[in-house]
Amino acid sequence: MQVSSFLTPEKEIWQHLSTTLLPDLIMNTVFLVSGVALFTAVIGVSLGWFTGACDFPGRRFFSWSLALPMALPAYVMAFIFLGLMDFNGPVQQLLRTVPGFEGRMFEVRSTPFVVMVMGLTLYPYVYLLSRTSFMNQGRAILEASRTLGLRPSRAFFKVALPMSRPWIVSGLALVLMESLADFGAVSIFNYDTFTTAIYKSWFGFFSLKAAAQLSSLLVILALTLVFVEGLFKKRMRYYDSSRGAVARTRLKLTGWPSLMVVAYCSTILFVAFIVPILQLALWSMKVVRSGESTAYLEVILKTLFLGAAAAAIICLAAVLLAYSRRRIAQRRLRGKSTHPA
């Protein structure tokens, strides 16, 4: 349906889009995707390095708790963020009480805030994969690089980071595809991208063909990202250095560096998970006190059922794919052993 829709383009709608909306859609989508990728790369890689290769107070707690923002969908985070940061929200009301900020306001429905909200919910993709890579590298590789004259900071950028690029790129590929496909968060912020244009073409222009054509472009972009990510991984040459107890020895952080890392991890966890959960709890208490909680019981049960069913299907599909891939690898290995060169 999507590919065949290009054979019968909606000329009037496409002319309207190309002259009015399409340039802004492309620019907004590019800014969103590149901004979210940069934001998640910086936060995810840094947190992955601290929890995977370093040792500091609270490391075990932060290792699993920093992945909790993944449980919050981007559109939920957008609702919470606007409720807190909008003009009538508590944050701007508090700022207007500070001398020098009376009567001032800042617009939260803008590109930087959309990037920040989506980045806070998507950085765990990069964090989990980069943490696994850094944890497997351990201290032995950095010590070997320091014997060659590299300082710790240069050793990280010259040795540890390049070795982790395949995992980081895989996480960023997931982040980019999630950013391209997101509709809830960008629509809440009134930030027009390809996904909002698809919705407007369908329900605004009442043209299913135009919506299919725009969605096909989005699919092509996603497939391009997958192809580039696969091509990049094929060109990489790396090996697993996780064998041996020495490789798993962590870098001990003490003093001010340790305190700064704890403060950094705590800030990310506080902003990305604790504050949203507290705000959701406050809104839930208001609903319970108003006596309208029974109206949401059926919705909650349906959500739990759909979530459990989706998790079961995904787990089953993942197990089948992993098993089939292993069987195929074993058959290839047996074929090579029976036909020596």
C-alpha atoms as a PDB file:
ATOM      1  CA  MET A   1       0.000   0.000   0.000  1.00  0.00           C
ATOM      2  CA  GLN A   2       2.718   2.474   0.990  1.00  0.00           C
ATOM      3  CA  VAL A   3       5.079   1.768  -1.913  1.00  0.00           C
ATOM      4  CA  SER A   4       2.324   1.539  -4.508  1.00  0.00           C
ATOM      5  CA  SER A   5       0.937   4.889  -3.345  1.00  0.00           C
ATOM      6  CA  PHE A   6       3.841   6.612  -5.136  1.00  0.00           C
ATOM      7  CA  LEU A   7       2.296   5.540  -8.464  1.00  0.00           C
ATOM      8  CA  THR A   8      -0.710   7.809  -7.849  1.00  0.00           C
ATOM      9  CA  PRO A   9       0.584  10.868  -5.986  1.00  0.00           C
ATOM     10  CA  GLU A  10      -1.772  13.474  -4.572  1.00  0.00           C
ATOM     11  CA  LYS A  11      -0.470  16.417  -6.632  1.00  0.00           C
ATOM     12  CA  GLU A  12      -2.476  19.179  -4.949  1.00  0.00           C
ATOM     13  CA  ILE A  13      -1.648  18.011  -1.445  1.00  0.00           C
ATOM     14  CA  TRP A  14       2.030  17.487  -2.260  1.00  0.00           C
ATOM     15  CA  GLN A  15       2.194  20.937  -3.862  1.00  0.00           C
ATOM     16  CA  HIS A  16       0.666  22.419  -0.727  1.00  0.00           C
ATOM     17  CA  LEU A  17       3.058  20.483   1.511  1.00  0.00           C
ATOM     18  CA  SER A  18       6.129  21.367  -0.561  1.00  0.00           C
ATOM     19  CA  THR A  19       5.357  25.084  -0.509  1.00  0.00           C
ATOM     20  CA  THR A  20       4.174  25.413   3.089  1.00  0.00           C
ATOM     21  CA  LEU A  21       5.025  22.528   5.417  1.00  0.00           C
ATOM     22  CA  LEU A  22       7.618  20.226   3.844  1.00  0.00           C
ATOM     23  CA  PRO A  23      10.717  22.437   4.354  1.00  0.00           C
ATOM     24  CA  ASP A  24       9.856  22.933   8.039  1.00  0.00           C
ATOM     25  CA  LEU A  25       9.061  19.230   8.421  1.00  0.00           C
ATOM     26  CA  ILE A  26      12.457  18.235   7.065  1.00  0.00           C
ATOM     27  CA  MET A  27      14.333  20.783   9.183  1.00  0.00           C
ATOM     28  CA  ASN A  28      12.401  19.910  12.350  1.00  0.00           C
ATOM     29  CA  THR A  29      12.945  16.194  11.805  1.00  0.00           C
ATOM     30  CA  VAL A  30      16.666  16.670  11.164  1.00  0.00           C
ATOM     31  CA  PHE A  31      17.078  18.883  14.235  1.00  0.00           C
ATOM     32  CA  LEU A  32      15.102  16.456  16.381  1.00  0.00           C
ATOM     33  CA  VAL A  33      16.945  13.326  15.276  1.00  0.00           C
ATOM     34  CA  SER A  34      20.420  14.864  15.423  1.00  0.00           C
ATOM     35  CA  GLY A  35      19.753  16.576  18.747  1.00  0.00           C
ATOM     36  CA  VAL A  36      18.353  13.466  20.410  1.00  0.00           C
ATOM     37  CA  ALA A  37      21.244  11.383  19.039  1.00  0.00           C
ATOM     38  CA  LEU A  38      23.835  13.799  20.438  1.00  0.00           C
ATOM     39  CA  PHE A  39      22.027  14.122  23.780  1.00  0.00           C
ATOM     40  CA  THR A  40      21.644  10.382  24.289  1.00  0.00           C
ATOM     41  CA  ALA A  41      25.198   9.686  23.124  1.00  0.00           C
ATOM     42  CA  VAL A  42      26.727  12.076  25.667  1.00  0.00           C
ATOM     43  CA  ILE A  43      24.577  10.956  28.598  1.00  0.00           C
ATOM     44  CA  GLY A  44      24.427   7.261  27.715  1.00  0.00           C
ATOM     45  CA  VAL A  45      28.146   6.827  27.030  1.00  0.00           C
ATOM     46  CA  SER A  46      29.225   8.812  30.087  1.00  0.00           C
ATOM     47  CA  LEU A  47      26.896   6.926  32.421  1.00  0.00           C
ATOM     48  CA  GLY A  48      27.894   3.628  30.818  1.00  0.00           C
ATOM     49  CA  TRP A  49      31.559   4.424  31.414  1.00  0.00           C
ATOM     50  CA  PHE A  50      31.085   5.421  35.050  1.00  0.00           C
ATOM     51  CA  THR A  51      28.944   2.415  35.998  1.00  0.00           C
ATOM     52  CA  GLY A  52      30.683  -0.107  33.747  1.00  0.00           C
ATOM     53  CA  ALA A  53      34.382   0.657  34.117  1.00  0.00           C
ATOM     54  CA  CYS A  54      34.641   2.696  37.345  1.00  0.00           C
ATOM     55  CA  ASP A  55      33.993   2.015  41.005  1.00  0.00           C
ATOM     56  CA  PHE A  56      32.440   4.673  43.254  1.00  0.00           C
ATOM     57  CA  PRO A  57      29.927   4.796  46.124  1.00  0.00           C
ATOM     58  CA  GLY A  58      26.464   3.754  44.925  1.00  0.00           C
ATOM     59  CA  ARG A  59      27.671   2.211  41.678  1.00  0.00           C
ATOM     60  CA  ARG A  60      25.555  -0.934  42.067  1.00  0.00           C
ATOM     61  CA  PHE A  61      22.437   1.123  42.734  1.00  0.00           C
ATOM     62  CA  PHE A  62      22.998   3.417  39.765  1.00  0.00           C
ATOM     63  CA  SER A  63      23.856   0.477  37.490  1.00  0.00           C
ATOM     64  CA  TRP A  64      20.219  -0.678  37.397  1.00  0.00           C
ATOM     65  CA  SER A  65      18.339   2.463  38.452  1.00  0.00           C
ATOM     66  CA  LEU A  66      19.677   4.578  35.571  1.00  0.00           C
ATOM     67  CA  ALA A  67      17.812   2.275  33.173  1.00  0.00           C
ATOM     68  CA  LEU A  68      14.432   3.001  34.809  1.00  0.00           C
ATOM     69  CA  PRO A  69      13.557   6.030  32.589  1.00  0.00           C
ATOM     70  CA  MET A  70      13.007   3.531  29.787  1.00  0.00           C
ATOM     71  CA  ALA A  71       9.757   2.577  31.565  1.00  0.00           C
ATOM     72  CA  LEU A  72       8.337   6.063  30.918  1.00  0.00           C
ATOM     73  CA  PRO A  73       7.049   6.637  27.372  1.00  0.00           C
ATOM     74  CA  ALA A  74       8.124   9.870  25.712  1.00  0.00           C
ATOM     75  CA  TYR A  75       4.581  11.237  25.534  1.00  0.00           C
ATOM     76  CA  VAL A  76       4.098  10.669  29.280  1.00  0.00           C
ATOM     77  CA  MET A  77       7.340  12.525  29.966  1.00  0.00           C
ATOM     78  CA  ALA A  78       6.107  15.314  27.673  1.00  0.00           C
ATOM     79  CA  PHE A  79       2.847  15.655  29.650  1.00  0.00           C
ATOM     80  CA  ILE A  80       4.773  15.781  32.922  1.00  0.00           C
ATOM     81  CA  PHE A  81       7.347  18.228  31.609  1.00  0.00           C
ATOM     82  CA  LEU A  82       4.726  20.648  30.298  1.00  0.00           C
ATOM     83  CA  GLY A  83       2.776  20.368  33.539  1.00  0.00           C
ATOM     84  CA  LEU A  84       5.868  21.367  35.488  1.00  0.00           C
ATOM     85  CA  MET A  85       7.606  23.779  33.116  1.00  0.00           C
ATOM     86  CA  ASP A  86       4.807  25.564  31.249  1.00  0.00           C
ATOM     87  CA  PHE A  87       3.959  29.215  31.914  1.00  0.00           C
ATOM     88  CA  ASN A  88       1.426  28.332  34.620  1.00  0.00           C
ATOM     89  CA  GLY A  89       3.532  25.465  35.968  1.00  0.00           C
ATOM     90  CA  PRO A  90       5.190  25.478  39.376  1.00  0.00           C
ATOM     91  CA  VAL A  91       8.719  25.949  37.999  1.00  0.00           C
ATOM     92  CA  GLN A  92       8.030  29.202  36.163  1.00  0.00           C
ATOM     93  CA  GLN A  93       5.796  30.432  38.956  1.00  0.00           C
ATOM     94  CA  LEU A  94       8.659  29.875  41.400  1.00  0.00           C
ATOM     95  CA  LEU A  95      11.144  31.604  39.098  1.00  0.00           C
ATOM     96  CA  ARG A  96       8.910  34.675  38.842  1.00  0.00           C
ATOM     97  CA  THR A  97       9.210  35.118  42.613  1.00  0.00           C
ATOM     98  CA  VAL A  98      12.983  35.464  42.321  1.00  0.00           C
ATOM     99  CA  PRO A  99      14.164  39.108  42.166  1.00  0.00           C
ATOM    100  CA  GLY A 100      15.053  40.028  38.598  1.00  0.00           C
ATOM    101  CA  PHE A 101      12.787  37.397  37.009  1.00  0.00           C
ATOM    102  CA  GLU A 102       9.442  39.118  37.638  1.00  0.00           C
ATOM    103  CA  GLY A 103       7.199  38.986  34.589  1.00  0.00           C
ATOM    104  CA  ARG A 104       9.635  36.831  32.612  1.00  0.00           C
ATOM    105  CA  MET A 105       8.824  33.547  30.946  1.00  0.00           C
ATOM    106  CA  PHE A 106      10.463  31.034  28.617  1.00  0.00           C
ATOM    107  CA  GLU A 107       8.855  28.985  25.884  1.00  0.00           C
ATOM    108  CA  VAL A 108       9.031  25.265  26.542  1.00  0.00           C
ATOM    109  CA  ARG A 109       7.429  24.237  23.250  1.00  0.00           C
ATOM    110  CA  SER A 110      10.698  24.522  21.352  1.00  0.00           C
ATOM    111  CA  THR A 111      13.334  22.276  19.815  1.00  0.00           C
ATOM    112  CA  PRO A 112      15.773  22.181  22.788  1.00  0.00           C
ATOM    113  CA  PHE A 113      13.080  21.101  25.231  1.00  0.00           C
ATOM    114  CA  VAL A 114      11.650  18.480  22.858  1.00  0.00           C
ATOM    115  CA  VAL A 115      15.165  17.071  22.408  1.00  0.00           C
ATOM    116  CA  MET A 116      15.732  17.033  26.167  1.00  0.00           C
ATOM    117  CA  VAL A 117      12.434  15.294  26.956  1.00  0.00           C
ATOM    118  CA  MET A 118      12.925  12.603  24.324  1.00  0.00           C
ATOM    119  CA  GLY A 119      16.594  12.208  25.207  1.00  0.00           C
ATOM    120  CA  LEU A 120      15.809  11.596  28.878  1.00  0.00           C
ATOM    121  CA  THR A 121      13.535   8.693  27.933  1.00  0.00           C
ATOM    122  CA  LEU A 122      15.744   7.203  25.192  1.00  0.00           C
ATOM    123  CA  TYR A 123      19.266   7.440  26.632  1.00  0.00           C
ATOM    124  CA  PRO A 124      18.964   3.973  28.343  1.00  0.00           C
ATOM    125  CA  TYR A 125      19.320   2.355  24.892  1.00  0.00           C
ATOM    126  CA  VAL A 126      22.824   3.762  24.591  1.00  0.00           C
ATOM    127  CA  TYR A 127      23.560   3.455  28.296  1.00  0.00           C
ATOM    128  CA  LEU A 128      22.863  -0.272  28.595  1.00  0.00           C
ATOM    129  CA  LEU A 129      24.857  -1.252  25.507  1.00  0.00           C
ATOM    130  CA  SER A 130      27.822   1.014  26.235  1.00  0.00           C
ATOM    131  CA  ARG A 131      27.893  -0.100  29.870  1.00  0.00           C
ATOM    132  CA  THR A 132      28.143  -3.733  28.772  1.00  0.00           C
ATOM    133  CA  SER A 133      31.005  -2.890  26.440  1.00  0.00           C
ATOM    134  CA  PHE A 134      32.945  -0.851  28.998  1.00  0.00           C
ATOM    135  CA  MET A 135      32.343  -3.476  31.672  1.00  0.00           C
ATOM    136  CA  ASN A 136      33.858  -6.161  29.452  1.00  0.00           C
ATOM    137  CA  GLN A 137      36.889  -4.019  28.638  1.00  0.00           C
ATOM    138  CA  GLY A 138      37.777  -3.380  32.252  1.00  0.00           C
ATOM    139  CA  ARG A 139      40.981  -1.863  33.524  1.00  0.00           C
ATOM    140  CA  ALA A 140      43.588  -3.984  31.752  1.00  0.00           C
ATOM    141  CA  ILE A 141      43.249  -2.219  28.400  1.00  0.00           C
ATOM    142  CA  LEU A 142      43.481   1.247  29.939  1.00  0.00           C
ATOM    143  CA  GLU A 143      46.537   0.267  31.944  1.00  0.00           C
ATOM    144  CA  ALA A 144      48.165  -1.055  28.790  1.00  0.00           C
ATOM    145  CA  SER A 145      47.436   2.240  27.029  1.00  0.00           C
ATOM    146  CA  ARG A 146      48.872   4.215  29.952  1.00  0.00           C
ATOM    147  CA  THR A 147      52.117   2.254  29.662  1.00  0.00           C
ATOM    148  CA  LEU A 148      52.287   3.621  26.105  1.00  0.00           C
ATOM    149  CA  GLY A 149      52.175   7.178  27.436  1.00  0.00           C
ATOM    150  CA  LEU A 150      48.449   7.979  27.217  1.00  0.00           C
ATOM    151  CA  ARG A 151      46.804   9.860  30.047  1.00  0.00           C
ATOM    152  CA  PRO A 152      43.503   8.475  31.409  1.00  0.00           C
ATOM    153  CA  SER A 153      41.395  11.015  29.491  1.00  0.00           C
ATOM    154  CA  ARG A 154      43.197  10.336  26.193  1.00  0.00           C
ATOM    155  CA  ALA A 155      43.115   6.595  26.863  1.00  0.00           C
ATOM    156  CA  PHE A 156      39.337   6.785  27.109  1.00  0.00           C
ATOM    157  CA  PHE A 157      38.961   8.609  23.782  1.00  0.00           C
ATOM    158  CA  LYS A 158      41.747   6.767  21.963  1.00  0.00           C
ATOM    159  CA  VAL A 159      41.177   3.205  23.209  1.00  0.00           C
ATOM    160  CA  ALA A 160      37.999   2.540  25.224  1.00  0.00           C
ATOM    161  CA  LEU A 161      35.590   4.623  23.146  1.00  0.00           C
ATOM    162  CA  PRO A 162      36.670   3.308  19.702  1.00  0.00           C
ATOM    163  CA  MET A 163      36.416  -0.281  20.959  1.00  0.00           C
ATOM    164  CA  SER A 164      32.851   0.394  22.122  1.00  0.00           C
ATOM    165  CA  ARG A 165      31.678   2.013  18.897  1.00  0.00           C
ATOM    166  CA  PRO A 166      29.761  -1.043  17.592  1.00  0.00           C
ATOM    167  CA  TRP A 167      27.638  -1.159  20.766  1.00  0.00           C
ATOM    168  CA  ILE A 168      27.200   2.615  20.885  1.00  0.00           C
ATOM    169  CA  VAL A 169      26.175   2.767  17.233  1.00  0.00           C
ATOM    170  CA  SER A 170      23.629  -0.015  17.801  1.00  0.00           C
ATOM    171  CA  GLY A 171      22.092   1.938  20.673  1.00  0.00           C
ATOM    172  CA  LEU A 172      22.041   5.149  18.648  1.00  0.00           C
ATOM    173  CA  ALA A 173      20.335   3.334  15.767  1.00  0.00           C
ATOM    174  CA  LEU A 174      17.502   2.361  18.118  1.00  0.00           C
ATOM    175  CA  VAL A 175      17.323   5.928  19.417  1.00  0.00           C
ATOM    176  CA  LEU A 176      17.144   7.370  15.900  1.00  0.00           C
ATOM    177  CA  MET A 177      14.361   5.012  14.841  1.00  0.00           C
ATOM    178  CA  GLU A 178      12.389   5.759  18.017  1.00  0.00           C
ATOM    179  CA  SER A 179      12.815   9.497  17.379  1.00  0.00           C
ATOM    180  CA  LEU A 180      11.644   9.191  13.785  1.00  0.00           C
ATOM    181  CA  ALA A 181       8.597   7.127  14.750  1.00  0.00           C
ATOM    182  CA  ASP A 182       7.507   9.195  17.761  1.00  0.00           C
ATOM    183  CA  PHE A 183       4.152  10.923  17.469  1.00  0.00           C
ATOM    184  CA  GLY A 184       2.916  11.484  21.023  1.00  0.00           C
ATOM    185  CA  ALA A 185       5.707  13.686  22.385  1.00  0.00           C
ATOM    186  CA  VAL A 186       6.094  15.884  19.305  1.00  0.00           C
ATOM    187  CA  SER A 187       2.344  16.386  18.987  1.00  0.00           C
ATOM    188  CA  ILE A 188       2.090  17.418  22.643  1.00  0.00           C
ATOM    189  CA  PHE A 189       4.805  20.022  22.054  1.00  0.00           C
ATOM    190  CA  ASN A 190       3.152  21.120  18.771  1.00  0.00           C
ATOM    191  CA  TYR A 191       6.420  20.286  17.051  1.00  0.00           C
ATOM    192  CA  ASP A 192       5.721  19.278  13.458  1.00  0.00           C
ATOM    193  CA  THR A 193       7.676  16.316  12.098  1.00  0.00           C
ATOM    194  CA  PHE A 194       6.958  13.597   9.543  1.00  0.00           C
ATOM    195  CA  THR A 195       4.763  11.709  12.011  1.00  0.00           C
ATOM    196  CA  THR A 196       2.533  14.705  12.716  1.00  0.00           C
ATOM    197  CA  ALA A 197       2.363  15.418   8.971  1.00  0.00           C
ATOM    198  CA  ILE A 198       1.139  11.861   8.376  1.00  0.00           C
ATOM    199  CA  TYR A 199      -1.626  12.377  10.929  1.00  0.00           C
ATOM    200  CA  LYS A 200      -2.630  15.756   9.466  1.00  0.00           C
ATOM    201  CA  SER A 201      -2.628  14.388   5.913  1.00  0.00           C
ATOM    202  CA  TRP A 202      -4.961  11.589   6.944  1.00  0.00           C
ATOM    203  CA  PHE A 203      -7.339  13.389   9.288  1.00  0.00           C
ATOM    204  CA  GLY A 204      -6.819  16.980   8.100  1.00  0.00           C
ATOM    205  CA  PHE A 205      -6.700  16.577   4.322  1.00  0.00           C
ATOM    206  CA  PHE A 206      -8.661  13.291   4.432  1.00  0.00           C
ATOM    207  CA  SER A 207      -6.119  11.734   2.072  1.00  0.00           C
ATOM    208  CA  LEU A 208      -5.011   8.226   2.892  1.00  0.00           C
ATOM    209  CA  LYS A 209      -2.685   8.181  -0.140  1.00  0.00           C
ATOM    210  CA  ALA A 210      -0.781  11.276   0.963  1.00  0.00           C
ATOM    211  CA  ALA A 211      -0.432   9.833   4.459  1.00  0.00           C
ATOM    212  CA  ALA A 212       0.816   6.549   2.996  1.00  0.00           C
ATOM    213  CA  GLN A 213       3.357   8.375   0.839  1.00  0.00           C
ATOM    214  CA  LEU A 214       4.695  10.350   3.795  1.00  0.00           C
ATOM    215  CA  SER A 215       4.832   7.227   5.951  1.00  0.00           C
ATOM    216  CA  SER A 216       6.699   5.391   3.197  1.00  0.00           C
ATOM    217  CA  LEU A 217       9.332   8.126   3.249  1.00  0.00           C
ATOM    218  CA  LEU A 218       9.611   7.587   6.975  1.00  0.00           C
ATOM    219  CA  VAL A 219      10.035   3.851   6.448  1.00  0.00           C
ATOM    220  CA  ILE A 220      12.753   4.498   3.867  1.00  0.00           C
ATOM    221  CA  LEU A 221      14.612   6.713   6.337  1.00  0.00           C
ATOM    222  CA  ALA A 222      14.386   4.018   9.010  1.00  0.00           C
ATOM    223  CA  LEU A 223      15.619   1.323   6.626  1.00  0.00           C
ATOM    224  CA  THR A 224      18.476   3.604   5.595  1.00  0.00           C
ATOM    225  CA  LEU A 225      19.517   3.932   9.228  1.00  0.00           C
ATOM    226  CA  VAL A 226      19.433   0.158   9.645  1.00  0.00           C
ATOM    227  CA  PHE A 227      21.507  -0.319   6.481  1.00  0.00           C
ATOM    228  CA  VAL A 228      24.099   2.284   7.527  1.00  0.00           C
ATOM    229  CA  GLU A 229      24.329   0.769  11.006  1.00  0.00           C
ATOM    230  CA  GLY A 230      24.853  -2.712   9.573  1.00  0.00           C
ATOM    231  CA  LEU A 231      27.438  -1.426   7.094  1.00  0.00           C
ATOM    232  CA  PHE A 232      29.286   0.352   9.885  1.00  0.00           C
ATOM    233  CA  LYS A 233      29.368  -2.762  12.044  1.00  0.00           C
ATOM    234  CA  LYS A 234      30.721  -4.874   9.179  1.00  0.00           C
ATOM    235  CA  ARG A 235      33.658  -2.534   8.781  1.00  0.00           C
ATOM    236  CA  MET A 236      34.538  -2.700  12.474  1.00  0.00           C
ATOM    237  CA  ARG A 237      37.196  -5.127  13.711  1.00  0.00           C
ATOM    238  CA  TYR A 238      37.154  -5.823  17.429  1.00  0.00           C
ATOM    239  CA  TYR A 239      37.469  -8.646  19.929  1.00  0.00           C
ATOM    240  CA  ASP A 240      36.118  -9.524  23.357  1.00  0.00           C
ATOM    241  CA  SER A 241      38.573  -8.699  26.126  1.00  0.00           C
ATOM    242  CA  SER A 242      36.344  -9.853  28.979  1.00  0.00           C
ATOM    243  CA  ARG A 243      38.303 -13.004  29.760  1.00  0.00           C
ATOM    244  CA  GLY A 244      40.199 -13.117  33.006  1.00  0.00           C
ATOM    245  CA  ALA A 245      39.730 -11.442  36.367  1.00  0.00           C
ATOM    246  CA  VAL A 246      42.206  -8.656  35.576  1.00  0.00           C
ATOM    247  CA  ALA A 247      40.087  -7.407  32.685  1.00  0.00           C
ATOM    248  CA  ARG A 248      37.106  -6.903  35.010  1.00  0.00           C
ATOM    249  CA  THR A 249      38.999  -4.815  37.577  1.00  0.00           C
ATOM    250  CA  ARG A 250      37.383  -1.382  37.855  1.00  0.00           C
ATOM    251  CA  LEU A 251      38.965   2.030  38.106  1.00  0.00           C
ATOM    252  CA  LYS A 252      38.671   3.223  41.692  1.00  0.00           C
ATOM    253  CA  LEU A 253      37.343   6.771  42.029  1.00  0.00           C
ATOM    254  CA  THR A 254      37.977   8.660  45.268  1.00  0.00           C
ATOM    255  CA  GLY A 255      37.731  12.219  46.519  1.00  0.00           C
ATOM    256  CA  TRP A 256      36.229  14.937  44.357  1.00  0.00           C
ATOM    257  CA  PRO A 257      35.962  12.818  41.190  1.00  0.00           C
ATOM    258  CA  SER A 258      33.878  10.281  43.096  1.00  0.00           C
ATOM    259  CA  LEU A 259      31.577  12.968  44.518  1.00  0.00           C
ATOM    260  CA  MET A 260      31.128  14.570  41.105  1.00  0.00           C
ATOM    261  CA  VAL A 261      30.213  11.235  39.508  1.00  0.00           C
ATOM    262  CA  VAL A 262      27.677  10.509  42.262  1.00  0.00           C
ATOM    263  CA  ALA A 263      26.178  13.991  41.835  1.00  0.00           C
ATOM    264  CA  TYR A 264      26.013  13.562  38.049  1.00  0.00           C
ATOM    265  CA  CYS A 265      24.301  10.153  38.221  1.00  0.00           C
ATOM    266  CA  SER A 266      21.919  11.388  40.918  1.00  0.00           C
ATOM    267  CA  THR A 267      20.937  14.425  38.853  1.00  0.00           C
ATOM    268  CA  ILE A 268      20.123  12.347  35.766  1.00  0.00           C
ATOM    269  CA  LEU A 269      18.124   9.847  37.831  1.00  0.00           C
ATOM    270  CA  PHE A 270      16.296  12.628  39.686  1.00  0.00           C
ATOM    271  CA  VAL A 271      15.290  14.547  36.558  1.00  0.00           C
ATOM    272  CA  ALA A 272      14.567  11.561  34.299  1.00  0.00           C
ATOM    273  CA  PHE A 273      12.724   9.278  36.738  1.00  0.00           C
ATOM    274  CA  ILE A 274      12.166  10.454  40.316  1.00  0.00           C
ATOM    275  CA  VAL A 275      10.525  13.805  39.469  1.00  0.00           C
ATOM    276  CA  PRO A 276       8.186  12.272  36.821  1.00  0.00           C
ATOM    277  CA  ILE A 277       7.170   9.461  39.173  1.00  0.00           C
ATOM    278  CA  LEU A 278       6.455  11.909  41.989  1.00  0.00           C
ATOM    279  CA  GLN A 279       4.366  14.080  39.668  1.00  0.00           C
ATOM    280  CA  LEU A 280       2.403  11.057  38.450  1.00  0.00           C
ATOM    281  CA  ALA A 281       1.835  10.024  42.071  1.00  0.00           C
ATOM    282  CA  LEU A 282       0.482  13.493  42.931  1.00  0.00           C
ATOM    283  CA  TRP A 283      -1.881  13.465  39.958  1.00  0.00           C
ATOM    284  CA  SER A 284      -3.022   9.937  40.882  1.00  0.00           C
ATOM    285  CA  MET A 285      -3.770  11.016  44.450  1.00  0.00           C
ATOM    286  CA  LYS A 286      -5.924  13.857  43.145  1.00  0.00           C
ATOM    287  CA  VAL A 287      -7.890  11.430  40.988  1.00  0.00           C
ATOM    288  CA  VAL A 288      -8.388   9.047  43.936  1.00  0.00           C
ATOM    289  CA  ARG A 289      -9.581  11.870  46.185  1.00  0.00           C
ATOM    290  CA  SER A 290     -12.018  13.060  43.535  1.00  0.00           C
ATOM    291  CA  GLY A 291     -13.657   9.613  43.467  1.00  0.00           C
ATOM    292  CA  GLU A 292     -13.058   9.094  39.738  1.00  0.00           C
ATOM    293  CA  SER A 293     -10.493   6.322  40.128  1.00  0.00           C
ATOM    294  CA  THR A 294     -13.023   3.567  39.360  1.00  0.00           C
ATOM    295  CA  ALA A 295     -13.455   4.986  35.858  1.00  0.00           C
ATOM    296  CA  TYR A 296      -9.779   4.268  35.123  1.00  0.00           C
ATOM    297  CA  LEU A 297      -9.747   0.722  36.512  1.00  0.00           C
ATOM    298  CA  GLU A 298     -10.815  -0.873  33.234  1.00  0.00           C
ATOM    299  CA  VAL A 299      -8.198   1.164  31.325  1.00  0.00           C
ATOM    300  CA  ILE A 300      -5.481   0.071  33.763  1.00  0.00           C
ATOM    301  CA  LEU A 301      -6.433  -3.590  33.442  1.00  0.00           C
ATOM    302  CA  LYS A 302      -6.471  -3.397  29.641  1.00  0.00           C
ATOM    303  CA  THR A 303      -3.057  -1.711  29.670  1.00  0.00           C
ATOM    304  CA  LEU A 304      -1.595  -4.392  31.921  1.00  0.00           C
ATOM    305  CA  PHE A 305      -3.066  -7.145  29.746  1.00  0.00           C
ATOM    306  CA  LEU A 306      -1.720  -5.636  26.521  1.00  0.00           C
ATOM    307  CA  GLY A 307       1.677  -5.050  28.110  1.00  0.00           C
ATOM    308  CA  ALA A 308       1.921  -8.615  29.381  1.00  0.00           C
ATOM    309  CA  ALA A 309       0.770 -10.050  26.047  1.00  0.00           C
ATOM    310  CA  ALA A 310       3.235  -7.924  24.097  1.00  0.00           C
ATOM    311  CA  ALA A 311       6.079  -8.897  26.449  1.00  0.00           C
ATOM    312  CA  ALA A 312       5.268 -12.590  26.062  1.00  0.00           C
ATOM    313  CA  ILE A 313       5.141 -12.351  22.258  1.00  0.00           C
ATOM    314  CA  ILE A 314       8.415 -10.402  22.114  1.00  0.00           C
ATOM    315  CA  CYS A 315      10.185 -12.854  24.423  1.00  0.00           C
ATOM    316  CA  LEU A 316       8.945 -15.827  22.394  1.00  0.00           C
ATOM    317  CA  ALA A 317      10.026 -14.219  19.112  1.00  0.00           C
ATOM    318  CA  ALA A 318      13.449 -13.312  20.554  1.00  0.00           C
ATOM    319  CA  VAL A 319      14.036 -16.853  21.815  1.00  0.00           C
ATOM    320  CA  LEU A 320      13.021 -18.361  18.469  1.00  0.00           C
ATOM    321  CA  LEU A 321      15.237 -15.967  16.514  1.00  0.00           C
ATOM    322  CA  ALA A 322      18.220 -16.564  18.819  1.00  0.00           C
ATOM    323  CA  TYR A 323      17.751 -20.327  18.661  1.00  0.00           C
ATOM    324  CA  SER A 324      17.385 -20.341  14.875  1.00  0.00           C
ATOM    325  CA  ARG A 325      20.477 -18.197  14.479  1.00  0.00           C
ATOM    326  CA  ARG A 326      22.459 -20.550  16.683  1.00  0.00           C
ATOM    327  CA  ARG A 327      21.244 -23.587  14.722  1.00  0.00           C
ATOM    328  CA  ILE A 328      22.206 -21.945  11.441  1.00  0.00           C
ATOM    329  CA  ALA A 329      25.668 -21.133  12.800  1.00  0.00           C
ATOM    330  CA  GLN A 330      26.115 -24.738  13.951  1.00  0.00           C
ATOM    331  CA  ARG A 331      25.124 -26.062  10.520  1.00  0.00           C
ATOM    332  CA  ARG A 332      27.608 -23.762   8.828  1.00  0.00           C
ATOM    333  CA  LEU A 333      30.305 -24.858  11.253  1.00  0.00           C
ATOM    334  CA  ARG A 334      29.572 -28.540  10.603  1.00  0.00           C
ATOM    335  CA  GLY A 335      29.611 -27.872   6.876  1.00  0.00           C
ATOM    336  CA  LYS A 336      33.053 -26.312   7.091  1.00  0.00           C
ATOM    337  CA  SER A 337      34.411 -29.147   9.219  1.00  0.00           C
ATOM    338  CA  THR A 338      33.217 -31.818   6.761  1.00  0.00           C
ATOM    339  CA  HIS A 339      34.621 -29.924   3.757  1.00  0.00           C
ATOM    340  CA  PRO A 340      38.112 -28.875   4.707  1.00  0.00           C
ATOM    341  CA  ALA A 341      39.943 -26.541   2.384  1.00  0.00           C
END
